[in-house]
Structures are given as structure tokens and as C-alpha cells.
PDB file of all heavy atoms in Angstrom:
ATOM      1  N   LYS A   1       0.806  -1.219   0.000  1.00  0.00           N
ATOM      2  CA  LYS A   1       0.000   0.000   0.000  1.00  0.00           C
ATOM      3  C   LYS A   1       0.834   1.261   0.000  1.00  0.00           C
ATOM      4  O   LYS A   1       0.559   2.190  -0.761  1.00  0.00           O
ATOM      5  CB  LYS A   1      -0.939   0.018   1.215  1.00  0.00           C
ATOM      6  CG  LYS A   1      -1.811   1.299   1.267  1.00  0.00           C
ATOM      7  CD  LYS A   1      -2.752   1.356   0.057  1.00  0.00           C
ATOM      8  CE  LYS A   1      -3.206   2.713  -0.318  1.00  0.00           C
ATOM      9  NZ  LYS A   1      -4.054   2.747  -1.543  1.00  0.00           N
ATOM     10  N   THR A   2       1.870   1.343   0.834  1.00  0.00           N
ATOM     11  CA  THR A   2       2.510   2.639   1.093  1.00  0.00           C
ATOM     12  C   THR A   2       3.832   2.855   0.395  1.00  0.00           C
ATOM     13  O   THR A   2       4.380   3.954   0.456  1.00  0.00           O
ATOM     14  CB  THR A   2       2.726   2.846   2.610  1.00  0.00           C
ATOM     15  OG1 THR A   2       3.763   1.974   3.084  1.00  0.00           O
ATOM     16  CG2 THR A   2       1.443   2.591   3.389  1.00  0.00           C
ATOM     17  N   ASN A   3       4.391   1.832  -0.276  1.00  0.00           N
ATOM     18  CA  ASN A   3       5.638   2.033  -1.014  1.00  0.00           C
ATOM     19  C   ASN A   3       5.509   3.198  -1.978  1.00  0.00           C
ATOM     20  O   ASN A   3       6.412   4.030  -2.109  1.00  0.00           O
ATOM     21  CB  ASN A   3       6.020   0.744  -1.752  1.00  0.00           C
ATOM     22  CG  ASN A   3       7.233   0.932  -2.670  1.00  0.00           C
ATOM     23  OD1 ASN A   3       7.106   1.007  -3.900  1.00  0.00           O
ATOM     24  ND2 ASN A   3       8.405   1.010  -2.089  1.00  0.00           N
ATOM     25  N   LYS A   4       4.352   3.267  -2.647  1.00  0.00           N
ATOM     26  CA  LYS A   4       4.014   4.376  -3.530  1.00  0.00           C
ATOM     27  C   LYS A   4       2.520   4.282  -3.798  1.00  0.00           C
ATOM     28  O   LYS A   4       2.001   3.205  -4.080  1.00  0.00           O
ATOM     29  CB  LYS A   4       4.817   4.287  -4.839  1.00  0.00           C
ATOM     30  CG  LYS A   4       5.091   5.607  -5.512  1.00  0.00           C
ATOM     31  CD  LYS A   4       6.113   5.478  -6.628  1.00  0.00           C
ATOM     32  CE  LYS A   4       6.475   6.836  -7.185  1.00  0.00           C
ATOM     33  NZ  LYS A   4       7.489   6.735  -8.284  1.00  0.00           N
ATOM     34  N   TYR A   5       1.828   5.398  -3.709  1.00  0.00           N
ATOM     35  CA  TYR A   5       0.369   5.363  -3.817  1.00  0.00           C
ATOM     36  C   TYR A   5      -0.137   5.436  -5.257  1.00  0.00           C
ATOM     37  O   TYR A   5      -1.235   4.977  -5.541  1.00  0.00           O
ATOM     38  CB  TYR A   5      -0.252   6.509  -3.006  1.00  0.00           C
ATOM     39  CG  TYR A   5       0.054   6.431  -1.528  1.00  0.00           C
ATOM     40  CD1 TYR A   5       0.786   7.440  -0.900  1.00  0.00           C
ATOM     41  CD2 TYR A   5      -0.373   5.357  -0.773  1.00  0.00           C
ATOM     42  CE1 TYR A   5       1.064   7.390   0.452  1.00  0.00           C
ATOM     43  CE2 TYR A   5      -0.088   5.276   0.590  1.00  0.00           C
ATOM     44  CZ  TYR A   5       0.632   6.297   1.192  1.00  0.00           C
ATOM     45  OH  TYR A   5       0.916   6.224   2.536  1.00  0.00           O
ATOM     46  N   SER A   6       0.632   6.023  -6.150  1.00  0.00           N
ATOM     47  CA  SER A   6       0.106   6.319  -7.480  1.00  0.00           C
ATOM     48  C   SER A   6       0.138   5.170  -8.485  1.00  0.00           C
ATOM     49  O   SER A   6      -0.654   5.174  -9.433  1.00  0.00           O
ATOM     50  CB  SER A   6       0.848   7.520  -8.081  1.00  0.00           C
ATOM     51  OG  SER A   6       2.243   7.288  -8.141  1.00  0.00           O
ATOM     52  N   PRO A   7       1.024   4.147  -8.351  1.00  0.00           N
ATOM     53  CA  PRO A   7       1.055   3.101  -9.380  1.00  0.00           C
ATOM     54  C   PRO A   7      -0.191   2.217  -9.373  1.00  0.00           C
ATOM     55  O   PRO A   7      -0.848   2.040  -8.339  1.00  0.00           O
ATOM     56  CB  PRO A   7       2.301   2.277  -9.031  1.00  0.00           C
ATOM     57  CG  PRO A   7       3.108   3.145  -8.131  1.00  0.00           C
ATOM     58  CD  PRO A   7       2.121   3.971  -7.378  1.00  0.00           C
ATOM     59  N   CYS A   8      -0.460   1.622 -10.520  1.00  0.00           N
ATOM     60  CA  CYS A   8      -1.634   0.765 -10.638  1.00  0.00           C
ATOM     61  C   CYS A   8      -1.457  -0.564  -9.912  1.00  0.00           C
ATOM     62  O   CYS A   8      -2.427  -1.301  -9.737  1.00  0.00           O
ATOM     63  CB  CYS A   8      -1.973   0.507 -12.114  1.00  0.00           C
ATOM     64  SG  CYS A   8      -0.629  -0.234 -13.082  1.00  0.00           S
ATOM     65  N   ASN A   9      -0.215  -0.909  -9.481  1.00  0.00           N
ATOM     66  CA  ASN A   9      -0.005  -2.166  -8.765  1.00  0.00           C
ATOM     67  C   ASN A   9       0.019  -1.990  -7.247  1.00  0.00           C
ATOM     68  O   ASN A   9       0.342  -2.925  -6.517  1.00  0.00           O
ATOM     69  CB  ASN A   9       1.271  -2.870  -9.240  1.00  0.00           C
ATOM     70  CG  ASN A   9       2.519  -2.012  -9.103  1.00  0.00           C
ATOM     71  OD1 ASN A   9       2.538  -1.038  -8.343  1.00  0.00           O
ATOM     72  ND2 ASN A   9       3.576  -2.372  -9.818  1.00  0.00           N
ATOM     73  N   ALA A  10      -0.284  -0.793  -6.753  1.00  0.00           N
ATOM     74  CA  ALA A  10      -0.425  -0.596  -5.312  1.00  0.00           C
ATOM     75  C   ALA A  10      -1.721  -1.260  -4.843  1.00  0.00           C
ATOM     76  O   ALA A  10      -2.746  -1.205  -5.523  1.00  0.00           O
ATOM     77  CB  ALA A  10      -0.451   0.890  -4.973  1.00  0.00           C
ATOM     78  N   SER A  11      -1.684  -1.899  -3.680  1.00  0.00           N
ATOM     79  CA  SER A  11      -2.893  -2.537  -3.159  1.00  0.00           C
ATOM     80  C   SER A  11      -3.902  -1.488  -2.720  1.00  0.00           C
ATOM     81  O   SER A  11      -3.564  -0.547  -2.003  1.00  0.00           O
ATOM     82  CB  SER A  11      -2.560  -3.450  -1.978  1.00  0.00           C
ATOM     83  OG  SER A  11      -2.084  -4.699  -2.405  1.00  0.00           O
ATOM     84  N   GLU A  12      -5.138  -1.680  -3.145  1.00  0.00           N
ATOM     85  CA  GLU A  12      -6.223  -0.768  -2.776  1.00  0.00           C
ATOM     86  C   GLU A  12      -7.192  -1.418  -1.801  1.00  0.00           C
ATOM     87  O   GLU A  12      -7.997  -0.732  -1.183  1.00  0.00           O
ATOM     88  CB  GLU A  12      -6.980  -0.321  -4.022  1.00  0.00           C
ATOM     89  CG  GLU A  12      -6.113   0.291  -5.119  1.00  0.00           C
ATOM     90  CD  GLU A  12      -5.633   1.705  -4.820  1.00  0.00           C
ATOM     91  OE1 GLU A  12      -5.471   2.048  -3.638  1.00  0.00           O
ATOM     92  OE2 GLU A  12      -5.409   2.482  -5.771  1.00  0.00           O
ATOM     93  N   SER A  13      -7.119  -2.755  -1.682  1.00  0.00           N
ATOM     94  CA  SER A  13      -8.046  -3.493  -0.822  1.00  0.00           C
ATOM     95  C   SER A  13      -7.259  -4.493   0.019  1.00  0.00           C
ATOM     96  O   SER A  13      -6.392  -5.201  -0.493  1.00  0.00           O
ATOM     97  CB  SER A  13      -9.100  -4.238  -1.649  1.00  0.00           C
ATOM     98  OG  SER A  13      -9.921  -3.338  -2.368  1.00  0.00           O
ATOM     99  N   LEU A  14      -7.594  -4.556   1.298  1.00  0.00           N
ATOM    100  CA  LEU A  14      -6.968  -5.484   2.227  1.00  0.00           C
ATOM    101  C   LEU A  14      -8.042  -6.423   2.760  1.00  0.00           C
ATOM    102  O   LEU A  14      -8.997  -5.988   3.406  1.00  0.00           O
ATOM    103  CB  LEU A  14      -6.302  -4.712   3.373  1.00  0.00           C
ATOM    104  CG  LEU A  14      -5.613  -5.535   4.468  1.00  0.00           C
ATOM    105  CD1 LEU A  14      -4.425  -6.310   3.908  1.00  0.00           C
ATOM    106  CD2 LEU A  14      -5.162  -4.625   5.621  1.00  0.00           C
ATOM    107  N   LEU A  15      -7.895  -7.701   2.498  1.00  0.00           N
ATOM    108  CA  LEU A  15      -8.795  -8.724   3.011  1.00  0.00           C
ATOM    109  C   LEU A  15      -8.066  -9.499   4.109  1.00  0.00           C
ATOM    110  O   LEU A  15      -6.895  -9.861   3.935  1.00  0.00           O
ATOM    111  CB  LEU A  15      -9.232  -9.680   1.899  1.00  0.00           C
ATOM    112  CG  LEU A  15      -9.887  -9.041   0.662  1.00  0.00           C
ATOM    113  CD1 LEU A  15     -10.230 -10.125  -0.361  1.00  0.00           C
ATOM    114  CD2 LEU A  15     -11.135  -8.257   1.041  1.00  0.00           C
ATOM    115  N   VAL A  16      -8.742  -9.755   5.209  1.00  0.00           N
ATOM    116  CA  VAL A  16      -8.098 -10.405   6.354  1.00  0.00           C
ATOM    117  C   VAL A  16      -8.968 -11.557   6.833  1.00  0.00           C
ATOM    118  O   VAL A  16     -10.167 -11.376   7.095  1.00  0.00           O
ATOM    119  CB  VAL A  16      -7.875  -9.401   7.504  1.00  0.00           C
ATOM    120  CG1 VAL A  16      -7.100 -10.070   8.641  1.00  0.00           C
ATOM    121  CG2 VAL A  16      -7.131  -8.158   7.003  1.00  0.00           C
ATOM    122  N   ALA A  17      -8.369 -12.740   6.955  1.00  0.00           N
ATOM    123  CA  ALA A  17      -9.099 -13.894   7.476  1.00  0.00           C
ATOM    124  C   ALA A  17      -9.476 -13.644   8.938  1.00  0.00           C
ATOM    125  O   ALA A  17      -8.682 -13.126   9.729  1.00  0.00           O
ATOM    126  CB  ALA A  17      -8.254 -15.162   7.351  1.00  0.00           C
ATOM    127  N   ARG A  18     -10.691 -14.037   9.274  1.00  0.00           N
ATOM    128  CA  ARG A  18     -11.219 -13.767  10.619  1.00  0.00           C
ATOM    129  C   ARG A  18     -10.310 -14.330  11.717  1.00  0.00           C
ATOM    130  O   ARG A  18     -10.124 -13.709  12.771  1.00  0.00           O
ATOM    131  CB  ARG A  18     -12.628 -14.348  10.732  1.00  0.00           C
ATOM    132  CG  ARG A  18     -13.355 -13.994  12.016  1.00  0.00           C
ATOM    133  CD  ARG A  18     -14.829 -14.326  11.930  1.00  0.00           C
ATOM    134  NE  ARG A  18     -15.544 -13.336  11.116  1.00  0.00           N
ATOM    135  CZ  ARG A  18     -16.077 -13.609   9.921  1.00  0.00           C
ATOM    136  NH1 ARG A  18     -15.997 -14.817   9.387  1.00  0.00           N
ATOM    137  NH2 ARG A  18     -16.701 -12.661   9.241  1.00  0.00           N
ATOM    138  N   GLY A  19      -9.694 -15.470  11.468  1.00  0.00           N
ATOM    139  CA  GLY A  19      -8.877 -16.126  12.491  1.00  0.00           C
ATOM    140  C   GLY A  19      -7.616 -15.360  12.874  1.00  0.00           C
ATOM    141  O   GLY A  19      -7.051 -15.604  13.951  1.00  0.00           O
ATOM    142  N   VAL A  20      -7.140 -14.443  12.046  1.00  0.00           N
ATOM    143  CA  VAL A  20      -5.923 -13.688  12.356  1.00  0.00           C
ATOM    144  C   VAL A  20      -6.193 -12.194  12.494  1.00  0.00           C
ATOM    145  O   VAL A  20      -5.278 -11.410  12.761  1.00  0.00           O
ATOM    146  CB  VAL A  20      -4.819 -13.920  11.287  1.00  0.00           C
ATOM    147  CG1 VAL A  20      -4.411 -15.378  11.228  1.00  0.00           C
ATOM    148  CG2 VAL A  20      -5.265 -13.417   9.914  1.00  0.00           C
ATOM    149  N   ALA A  21      -7.435 -11.786  12.312  1.00  0.00           N
ATOM    150  CA  ALA A  21      -7.767 -10.354  12.268  1.00  0.00           C
ATOM    151  C   ALA A  21      -7.418  -9.637  13.569  1.00  0.00           C
ATOM    152  O   ALA A  21      -6.868  -8.530  13.559  1.00  0.00           O
ATOM    153  CB  ALA A  21      -9.244 -10.160  11.936  1.00  0.00           C
ATOM    154  N   ALA A  22      -7.734 -10.257  14.720  1.00  0.00           N
ATOM    155  CA  ALA A  22      -7.502  -9.594  16.003  1.00  0.00           C
ATOM    156  C   ALA A  22      -6.027  -9.337  16.252  1.00  0.00           C
ATOM    157  O   ALA A  22      -5.666  -8.347  16.912  1.00  0.00           O
ATOM    158  CB  ALA A  22      -8.096 -10.430  17.138  1.00  0.00           C
ATOM    159  N   GLU A  23      -5.152 -10.207  15.739  1.00  0.00           N
ATOM    160  CA  GLU A  23      -3.712 -10.018  15.912  1.00  0.00           C
ATOM    161  C   GLU A  23      -3.123  -9.118  14.828  1.00  0.00           C
ATOM    162  O   GLU A  23      -2.285  -8.270  15.102  1.00  0.00           O
ATOM    163  CB  GLU A  23      -2.994 -11.381  15.894  1.00  0.00           C
ATOM    164  CG  GLU A  23      -1.500 -11.274  16.164  1.00  0.00           C
ATOM    165  CD  GLU A  23      -0.804 -12.633  16.191  1.00  0.00           C
ATOM    166  OE1 GLU A  23      -1.485 -13.663  15.972  1.00  0.00           O
ATOM    167  OE2 GLU A  23       0.418 -12.663  16.410  1.00  0.00           O
ATOM    168  N   PHE A  24      -3.578  -9.288  13.594  1.00  0.00           N
ATOM    169  CA  PHE A  24      -2.975  -8.577  12.463  1.00  0.00           C
ATOM    170  C   PHE A  24      -3.426  -7.124  12.343  1.00  0.00           C
ATOM    171  O   PHE A  24      -2.604  -6.217  12.147  1.00  0.00           O
ATOM    172  CB  PHE A  24      -3.290  -9.334  11.156  1.00  0.00           C
ATOM    173  CG  PHE A  24      -2.907  -8.589   9.916  1.00  0.00           C
ATOM    174  CD1 PHE A  24      -1.589  -8.541   9.490  1.00  0.00           C
ATOM    175  CD2 PHE A  24      -3.868  -7.911   9.164  1.00  0.00           C
ATOM    176  CE1 PHE A  24      -1.229  -7.840   8.343  1.00  0.00           C
ATOM    177  CE2 PHE A  24      -3.525  -7.219   8.018  1.00  0.00           C
ATOM    178  CZ  PHE A  24      -2.202  -7.181   7.602  1.00  0.00           C
ATOM    179  N   LEU A  25      -4.723  -6.882  12.434  1.00  0.00           N
ATOM    180  CA  LEU A  25      -5.243  -5.552  12.118  1.00  0.00           C
ATOM    181  C   LEU A  25      -4.688  -4.437  13.011  1.00  0.00           C
ATOM    182  O   LEU A  25      -4.363  -3.351  12.503  1.00  0.00           O
ATOM    183  CB  LEU A  25      -6.775  -5.562  12.153  1.00  0.00           C
ATOM    184  CG  LEU A  25      -7.453  -6.076  10.874  1.00  0.00           C
ATOM    185  CD1 LEU A  25      -8.968  -6.139  11.054  1.00  0.00           C
ATOM    186  CD2 LEU A  25      -7.101  -5.204   9.665  1.00  0.00           C
ATOM    187  N   PRO A  26      -4.576  -4.627  14.337  1.00  0.00           N
ATOM    188  CA  PRO A  26      -3.996  -3.538  15.133  1.00  0.00           C
ATOM    189  C   PRO A  26      -2.568  -3.180  14.710  1.00  0.00           C
ATOM    190  O   PRO A  26      -2.192  -2.005  14.768  1.00  0.00           O
ATOM    191  CB  PRO A  26      -4.031  -4.090  16.565  1.00  0.00           C
ATOM    192  CG  PRO A  26      -5.143  -5.095  16.546  1.00  0.00           C
ATOM    193  CD  PRO A  26      -5.065  -5.727  15.191  1.00  0.00           C
ATOM    194  N   GLN A  27      -1.787  -4.167  14.264  1.00  0.00           N
ATOM    195  CA  GLN A  27      -0.407  -3.906  13.864  1.00  0.00           C
ATOM    196  C   GLN A  27      -0.339  -3.153  12.539  1.00  0.00           C
ATOM    197  O   GLN A  27       0.361  -2.141  12.431  1.00  0.00           O
ATOM    198  CB  GLN A  27       0.373  -5.221  13.760  1.00  0.00           C
ATOM    199  CG  GLN A  27       0.537  -5.940  15.098  1.00  0.00           C
ATOM    200  CD  GLN A  27       1.414  -7.183  14.980  1.00  0.00           C
ATOM    201  OE1 GLN A  27       2.492  -7.153  14.395  1.00  0.00           O
ATOM    202  NE2 GLN A  27       0.937  -8.290  15.551  1.00  0.00           N
ATOM    203  N   ILE A  28      -1.071  -3.625  11.545  1.00  0.00           N
ATOM    204  CA  ILE A  28      -1.038  -2.911  10.261  1.00  0.00           C
ATOM    205  C   ILE A  28      -1.776  -1.572  10.396  1.00  0.00           C
ATOM    206  O   ILE A  28      -1.382  -0.573   9.771  1.00  0.00           O
ATOM    207  CB  ILE A  28      -1.643  -3.766   9.116  1.00  0.00           C
ATOM    208  CG1 ILE A  28      -1.310  -3.129   7.752  1.00  0.00           C
ATOM    209  CG2 ILE A  28      -3.158  -3.905   9.263  1.00  0.00           C
ATOM    210  CD1 ILE A  28       0.154  -3.068   7.423  1.00  0.00           C
ATOM    211  N   GLY A  29      -2.806  -1.538  11.233  1.00  0.00           N
ATOM    212  CA  GLY A  29      -3.542  -0.298  11.450  1.00  0.00           C
ATOM    213  C   GLY A  29      -2.659   0.796  12.027  1.00  0.00           C
ATOM    214  O   GLY A  29      -2.757   1.971  11.636  1.00  0.00           O
ATOM    215  N   ALA A  30      -1.784   0.434  12.965  1.00  0.00           N
ATOM    216  CA  ALA A  30      -0.877   1.409  13.572  1.00  0.00           C
ATOM    217  C   ALA A  30       0.084   1.973  12.530  1.00  0.00           C
ATOM    218  O   ALA A  30       0.393   3.177  12.539  1.00  0.00           O
ATOM    219  CB  ALA A  30      -0.098   0.754  14.710  1.00  0.00           C
ATOM    220  N   ILE A  31       0.565   1.115  11.626  1.00  0.00           N
ATOM    221  CA  ILE A  31       1.470   1.576  10.566  1.00  0.00           C
ATOM    222  C   ILE A  31       0.744   2.499   9.602  1.00  0.00           C
ATOM    223  O   ILE A  31       1.243   3.573   9.248  1.00  0.00           O
ATOM    224  CB  ILE A  31       2.078   0.363   9.826  1.00  0.00           C
ATOM    225  CG1 ILE A  31       3.037  -0.390  10.748  1.00  0.00           C
ATOM    226  CG2 ILE A  31       2.791   0.803   8.545  1.00  0.00           C
ATOM    227  CD1 ILE A  31       3.558  -1.690  10.189  1.00  0.00           C
ATOM    228  N   TYR A  32      -0.448   2.084   9.163  1.00  0.00           N
ATOM    229  CA  TYR A  32      -1.226   2.933   8.258  1.00  0.00           C
ATOM    230  C   TYR A  32      -1.561   4.270   8.914  1.00  0.00           C
ATOM    231  O   TYR A  32      -1.514   5.332   8.277  1.00  0.00           O
ATOM    232  CB  TYR A  32      -2.505   2.229   7.822  1.00  0.00           C
ATOM    233  CG  TYR A  32      -2.314   1.100   6.822  1.00  0.00           C
ATOM    234  CD1 TYR A  32      -3.319   0.154   6.621  1.00  0.00           C
ATOM    235  CD2 TYR A  32      -1.140   0.978   6.089  1.00  0.00           C
ATOM    236  CE1 TYR A  32      -3.167  -0.872   5.712  1.00  0.00           C
ATOM    237  CE2 TYR A  32      -0.970  -0.052   5.164  1.00  0.00           C
ATOM    238  CZ  TYR A  32      -1.992  -0.979   4.991  1.00  0.00           C
ATOM    239  OH  TYR A  32      -1.843  -2.004   4.085  1.00  0.00           O
ATOM    240  N   ALA A  33      -1.918   4.243  10.191  1.00  0.00           N
ATOM    241  CA  ALA A  33      -2.258   5.471  10.910  1.00  0.00           C
ATOM    242  C   ALA A  33      -1.061   6.421  10.946  1.00  0.00           C
ATOM    243  O   ALA A  33      -1.202   7.633  10.733  1.00  0.00           O
ATOM    244  CB  ALA A  33      -2.725   5.150  12.329  1.00  0.00           C
ATOM    245  N   ALA A  34       0.122   5.865  11.216  1.00  0.00           N
ATOM    246  CA  ALA A  34       1.334   6.683  11.288  1.00  0.00           C
ATOM    247  C   ALA A  34       1.674   7.318   9.948  1.00  0.00           C
ATOM    248  O   ALA A  34       2.291   8.389   9.899  1.00  0.00           O
ATOM    249  CB  ALA A  34       2.503   5.833  11.783  1.00  0.00           C
ATOM    250  N   LYS A  35       1.276   6.657   8.864  1.00  0.00           N
ATOM    251  CA  LYS A  35       1.582   7.157   7.524  1.00  0.00           C
ATOM    252  C   LYS A  35       0.429   7.933   6.898  1.00  0.00           C
ATOM    253  O   LYS A  35       0.491   8.322   5.738  1.00  0.00           O
ATOM    254  CB  LYS A  35       1.980   5.984   6.616  1.00  0.00           C
ATOM    255  CG  LYS A  35       3.284   5.316   7.042  1.00  0.00           C
ATOM    256  CD  LYS A  35       3.706   4.208   6.086  1.00  0.00           C
ATOM    257  CE  LYS A  35       5.042   3.602   6.511  1.00  0.00           C
ATOM    258  NZ  LYS A  35       5.519   2.546   5.578  1.00  0.00           N
ATOM    259  N   GLY A  36      -0.626   8.140   7.675  1.00  0.00           N
ATOM    260  CA  GLY A  36      -1.743   8.937   7.188  1.00  0.00           C
ATOM    261  C   GLY A  36      -2.653   8.236   6.202  1.00  0.00           C
ATOM    262  O   GLY A  36      -3.329   8.891   5.390  1.00  0.00           O
ATOM    263  N   VAL A  37      -2.708   6.902   6.261  1.00  0.00           N
ATOM    264  CA  VAL A  37      -3.563   6.131   5.358  1.00  0.00           C
ATOM    265  C   VAL A  37      -4.955   5.976   5.975  1.00  0.00           C
ATOM    266  O   VAL A  37      -5.098   5.441   7.072  1.00  0.00           O
ATOM    267  CB  VAL A  37      -2.963   4.736   5.057  1.00  0.00           C
ATOM    268  CG1 VAL A  37      -3.922   3.923   4.179  1.00  0.00           C
ATOM    269  CG2 VAL A  37      -1.609   4.873   4.382  1.00  0.00           C
ATOM    270  N   GLU A  38      -5.973   6.431   5.266  1.00  0.00           N
ATOM    271  CA  GLU A  38      -7.343   6.257   5.714  1.00  0.00           C
ATOM    272  C   GLU A  38      -7.788   4.822   5.454  1.00  0.00           C
ATOM    273  O   GLU A  38      -7.555   4.274   4.380  1.00  0.00           O
ATOM    274  CB  GLU A  38      -8.272   7.225   4.981  1.00  0.00           C
ATOM    275  CG  GLU A  38      -9.740   7.088   5.383  1.00  0.00           C
ATOM    276  CD  GLU A  38     -10.662   7.945   4.548  1.00  0.00           C
ATOM    277  OE1 GLU A  38     -10.184   8.928   3.942  1.00  0.00           O
ATOM    278  OE2 GLU A  38     -11.874   7.637   4.494  1.00  0.00           O
ATOM    279  N   MET A  39      -8.436   4.213   6.463  1.00  0.00           N
ATOM    280  CA  MET A  39      -8.936   2.849   6.332  1.00  0.00           C
ATOM    281  C   MET A  39     -10.454   2.856   6.283  1.00  0.00           C
ATOM    282  O   MET A  39     -11.109   3.277   7.236  1.00  0.00           O
ATOM    283  CB  MET A  39      -8.421   1.999   7.508  1.00  0.00           C
ATOM    284  CG  MET A  39      -6.925   1.738   7.455  1.00  0.00           C
ATOM    285  SD  MET A  39      -6.228   1.130   9.017  1.00  0.00           S
ATOM    286  CE  MET A  39      -5.955   2.693   9.908  1.00  0.00           C
ATOM    287  N   ARG A  40     -10.993   2.395   5.163  1.00  0.00           N
ATOM    288  CA  ARG A  40     -12.432   2.307   4.989  1.00  0.00           C
ATOM    289  C   ARG A  40     -12.832   0.847   5.147  1.00  0.00           C
ATOM    290  O   ARG A  40     -12.619   0.019   4.260  1.00  0.00           O
ATOM    291  CB  ARG A  40     -12.846   2.857   3.622  1.00  0.00           C
ATOM    292  CG  ARG A  40     -12.476   4.329   3.445  1.00  0.00           C
ATOM    293  CD  ARG A  40     -12.928   4.879   2.112  1.00  0.00           C
ATOM    294  NE  ARG A  40     -12.508   6.280   1.953  1.00  0.00           N
ATOM    295  CZ  ARG A  40     -12.740   6.998   0.862  1.00  0.00           C
ATOM    296  NH1 ARG A  40     -13.375   6.446  -0.174  1.00  0.00           N
ATOM    297  NH2 ARG A  40     -12.317   8.267   0.796  1.00  0.00           N
ATOM    298  N   GLY A  41     -13.394   0.515   6.319  1.00  0.00           N
ATOM    299  CA  GLY A  41     -13.574  -0.882   6.650  1.00  0.00           C
ATOM    300  C   GLY A  41     -15.007  -1.343   6.790  1.00  0.00           C
ATOM    301  O   GLY A  41     -15.951  -0.543   6.911  1.00  0.00           O
ATOM    302  N   CYS A  42     -15.161  -2.662   6.802  1.00  0.00           N
ATOM    303  CA  CYS A  42     -16.434  -3.273   7.141  1.00  0.00           C
ATOM    304  C   CYS A  42     -16.647  -3.087   8.648  1.00  0.00           C
ATOM    305  O   CYS A  42     -15.702  -2.811   9.388  1.00  0.00           O
ATOM    306  CB  CYS A  42     -16.423  -4.757   6.752  1.00  0.00           C
ATOM    307  SG  CYS A  42     -15.243  -5.760   7.703  1.00  0.00           S
ATOM    308  N   PRO A  43     -17.891  -3.249   9.163  1.00  0.00           N
ATOM    309  CA  PRO A  43     -18.132  -3.030  10.597  1.00  0.00           C
ATOM    310  C   PRO A  43     -17.233  -3.883  11.492  1.00  0.00           C
ATOM    311  O   PRO A  43     -16.751  -3.409  12.530  1.00  0.00           O
ATOM    312  CB  PRO A  43     -19.615  -3.397  10.755  1.00  0.00           C
ATOM    313  CG  PRO A  43     -20.215  -3.095   9.405  1.00  0.00           C
ATOM    314  CD  PRO A  43     -19.150  -3.465   8.415  1.00  0.00           C
TER     315      PRO A  43
END
């Protein structure tokens, strides 16, 4: 996502398996937050 925002090969969607979401999302969320990335998520 954050290496570069403008190329067509940058990831625009993040899918996370329910079994790892509680561990993974806070970690990637903190990185995205620090870099100013808005997260538009499901409930």
C-alpha cells in the first residue's frame, strides 16, 4: 500500500481472514495510521 500510492499495482483493498484479524489488524492499522492512510472498513 505505502511504497508508492500512485502506481496501478499498489494494493487498494486489504482482506483479512477472521482467524488472524484480532492479531494482524492492530499492527497494520498502527502503521497505516502513522503514515496517514485512511482505512475504509467493514463493521
